[in-house]
């Protein structure tokens, strides 16, 4: 039977390596968070533009018709 290879590292070196890895992991997480935040802002802006266009179109179609109806009502009441 073959033995499983093992490595023995000094505790101080291992702790230093783990601290460095933790720092790198934190930097990567922060970078990913910033990337996703920027993507979210872009999507939010695009959705806002789309909503604005839709509401503007609805207002530009409905408002003139509503004004015509109000004018007819005013004429009928006189």
C-alpha atoms as a PDB file:
ATOM      1  CA  UNK A   1       0.000   0.000   0.000  1.00  0.00           C
ATOM      2  CA  UNK A   2       1.162   3.492  -0.742  1.00  0.00           C
ATOM      3  CA  UNK A   3       1.152   6.195   1.846  1.00  0.00           C
ATOM      4  CA  UNK A   4      -0.630   9.499   1.405  1.00  0.00           C
ATOM      5  CA  UNK A   5       1.941  12.290   1.112  1.00  0.00           C
ATOM      6  CA  UNK A   6       1.772  14.889   3.845  1.00  0.00           C
ATOM      7  CA  UNK A   7       3.413  18.244   4.319  1.00  0.00           C
ATOM      8  CA  UNK A   8       4.230  19.834   7.615  1.00  0.00           C
ATOM      9  CA  UNK A   9       4.363  23.622   7.696  1.00  0.00           C
ATOM     10  CA  UNK A  10       5.331  25.800  10.596  1.00  0.00           C
ATOM     11  CA  UNK A  11       2.360  27.376  12.338  1.00  0.00           C
ATOM     12  CA  UNK A  12       3.626  30.960  11.936  1.00  0.00           C
ATOM     13  CA  UNK A  13       4.117  30.571   8.188  1.00  0.00           C
ATOM     14  CA  UNK A  14       0.726  28.965   7.818  1.00  0.00           C
ATOM     15  CA  UNK A  15      -0.972  31.819   9.705  1.00  0.00           C
ATOM     16  CA  UNK A  16       0.821  34.419   7.575  1.00  0.00           C
ATOM     17  CA  UNK A  17      -0.254  32.662   4.404  1.00  0.00           C
ATOM     18  CA  UNK A  18      -3.842  32.422   5.611  1.00  0.00           C
ATOM     19  CA  UNK A  19      -3.872  36.147   6.465  1.00  0.00           C
ATOM     20  CA  UNK A  20      -2.584  37.003   2.989  1.00  0.00           C
ATOM     21  CA  UNK A  21      -5.199  34.747   1.421  1.00  0.00           C
ATOM     22  CA  UNK A  22      -7.924  36.380   3.527  1.00  0.00           C
ATOM     23  CA  UNK A  23      -6.777  39.840   2.387  1.00  0.00           C
ATOM     24  CA  UNK A  24      -6.793  38.761  -1.260  1.00  0.00           C
ATOM     25  CA  UNK A  25     -10.204  37.167  -0.883  1.00  0.00           C
ATOM     26  CA  UNK A  26     -11.582  40.372   0.638  1.00  0.00           C
ATOM     27  CA  UNK A  27     -10.169  42.432  -2.248  1.00  0.00           C
ATOM     28  CA  UNK A  28     -11.742  40.077  -4.779  1.00  0.00           C
ATOM     29  CA  UNK A  29     -15.104  40.224  -3.006  1.00  0.00           C
ATOM     30  CA  UNK A  30     -15.003  44.036  -2.916  1.00  0.00           C
ATOM     31  CA  UNK A  31     -14.100  44.184  -6.596  1.00  0.00           C
ATOM     32  CA  UNK A  32     -16.948  41.842  -7.496  1.00  0.00           C
ATOM     33  CA  UNK A  33     -19.353  43.888  -5.382  1.00  0.00           C
ATOM     34  CA  UNK A  34     -18.315  47.078  -7.188  1.00  0.00           C
ATOM     35  CA  UNK A  35     -18.737  45.418 -10.588  1.00  0.00           C
ATOM     36  CA  UNK A  36     -22.227  44.181  -9.724  1.00  0.00           C
ATOM     37  CA  UNK A  37     -23.152  47.582  -8.264  1.00  0.00           C
ATOM     38  CA  UNK A  38     -22.141  49.322 -11.501  1.00  0.00           C
ATOM     39  CA  UNK A  39     -24.116  46.784 -13.528  1.00  0.00           C
ATOM     40  CA  UNK A  40     -27.134  47.380 -11.287  1.00  0.00           C
ATOM     41  CA  UNK A  41     -26.881  51.136 -11.792  1.00  0.00           C
ATOM     42  CA  UNK A  42     -26.777  50.670 -15.568  1.00  0.00           C
ATOM     43  CA  UNK A  43     -29.820  48.415 -15.507  1.00  0.00           C
ATOM     44  CA  UNK A  44     -31.660  50.848 -13.223  1.00  0.00           C
ATOM     45  CA  UNK A  45     -30.891  53.734 -15.563  1.00  0.00           C
ATOM     46  CA  UNK A  46     -32.108  51.769 -18.579  1.00  0.00           C
ATOM     47  CA  UNK A  47     -35.315  50.752 -16.818  1.00  0.00           C
ATOM     48  CA  UNK A  48     -35.890  54.375 -15.783  1.00  0.00           C
ATOM     49  CA  UNK A  49     -35.452  55.548 -19.369  1.00  0.00           C
ATOM     50  CA  UNK A  50     -37.894  52.914 -20.600  1.00  0.00           C
ATOM     51  CA  UNK A  51     -40.497  53.874 -17.970  1.00  0.00           C
ATOM     52  CA  UNK A  52     -40.071  57.538 -18.834  1.00  0.00           C
ATOM     53  CA  UNK A  53     -40.609  56.871 -22.533  1.00  0.00           C
ATOM     54  CA  UNK A  54     -43.682  54.751 -21.878  1.00  0.00           C
ATOM     55  CA  UNK A  55     -45.255  57.293 -19.510  1.00  0.00           C
ATOM     56  CA  UNK A  56     -44.400  60.143 -21.877  1.00  0.00           C
ATOM     57  CA  UNK A  57     -46.005  58.313 -24.782  1.00  0.00           C
ATOM     58  CA  UNK A  58     -49.131  57.566 -22.783  1.00  0.00           C
ATOM     59  CA  UNK A  59     -49.420  61.188 -21.663  1.00  0.00           C
ATOM     60  CA  UNK A  60     -48.900  62.502 -25.188  1.00  0.00           C
ATOM     61  CA  UNK A  61     -51.664  60.213 -26.495  1.00  0.00           C
ATOM     62  CA  UNK A  62     -54.153  60.533 -23.637  1.00  0.00           C
ATOM     63  CA  UNK A  63     -53.801  64.226 -22.755  1.00  0.00           C
ATOM     64  CA  UNK A  64     -54.943  65.684 -26.115  1.00  0.00           C
ATOM     65  CA  UNK A  65     -57.938  63.327 -26.187  1.00  0.00           C
ATOM     66  CA  UNK A  66     -58.777  64.251 -22.613  1.00  0.00           C
ATOM     67  CA  UNK A  67     -58.617  67.955 -23.462  1.00  0.00           C
ATOM     68  CA  UNK A  68     -60.954  67.399 -26.444  1.00  0.00           C
ATOM     69  CA  UNK A  69     -63.446  65.608 -24.222  1.00  0.00           C
ATOM     70  CA  UNK A  70     -63.273  68.417 -21.659  1.00  0.00           C
ATOM     71  CA  UNK A  71     -63.901  70.998 -24.385  1.00  0.00           C
ATOM     72  CA  UNK A  72     -66.968  69.048 -25.593  1.00  0.00           C
ATOM     73  CA  UNK A  73     -68.304  68.891 -22.046  1.00  0.00           C
ATOM     74  CA  UNK A  74     -67.790  72.650 -21.622  1.00  0.00           C
ATOM     75  CA  UNK A  75     -69.637  73.367 -24.897  1.00  0.00           C
ATOM     76  CA  UNK A  76     -72.512  71.105 -23.937  1.00  0.00           C
ATOM     77  CA  UNK A  77     -72.902  72.737 -20.532  1.00  0.00           C
ATOM     78  CA  UNK A  78     -73.221  76.243 -22.052  1.00  0.00           C
END
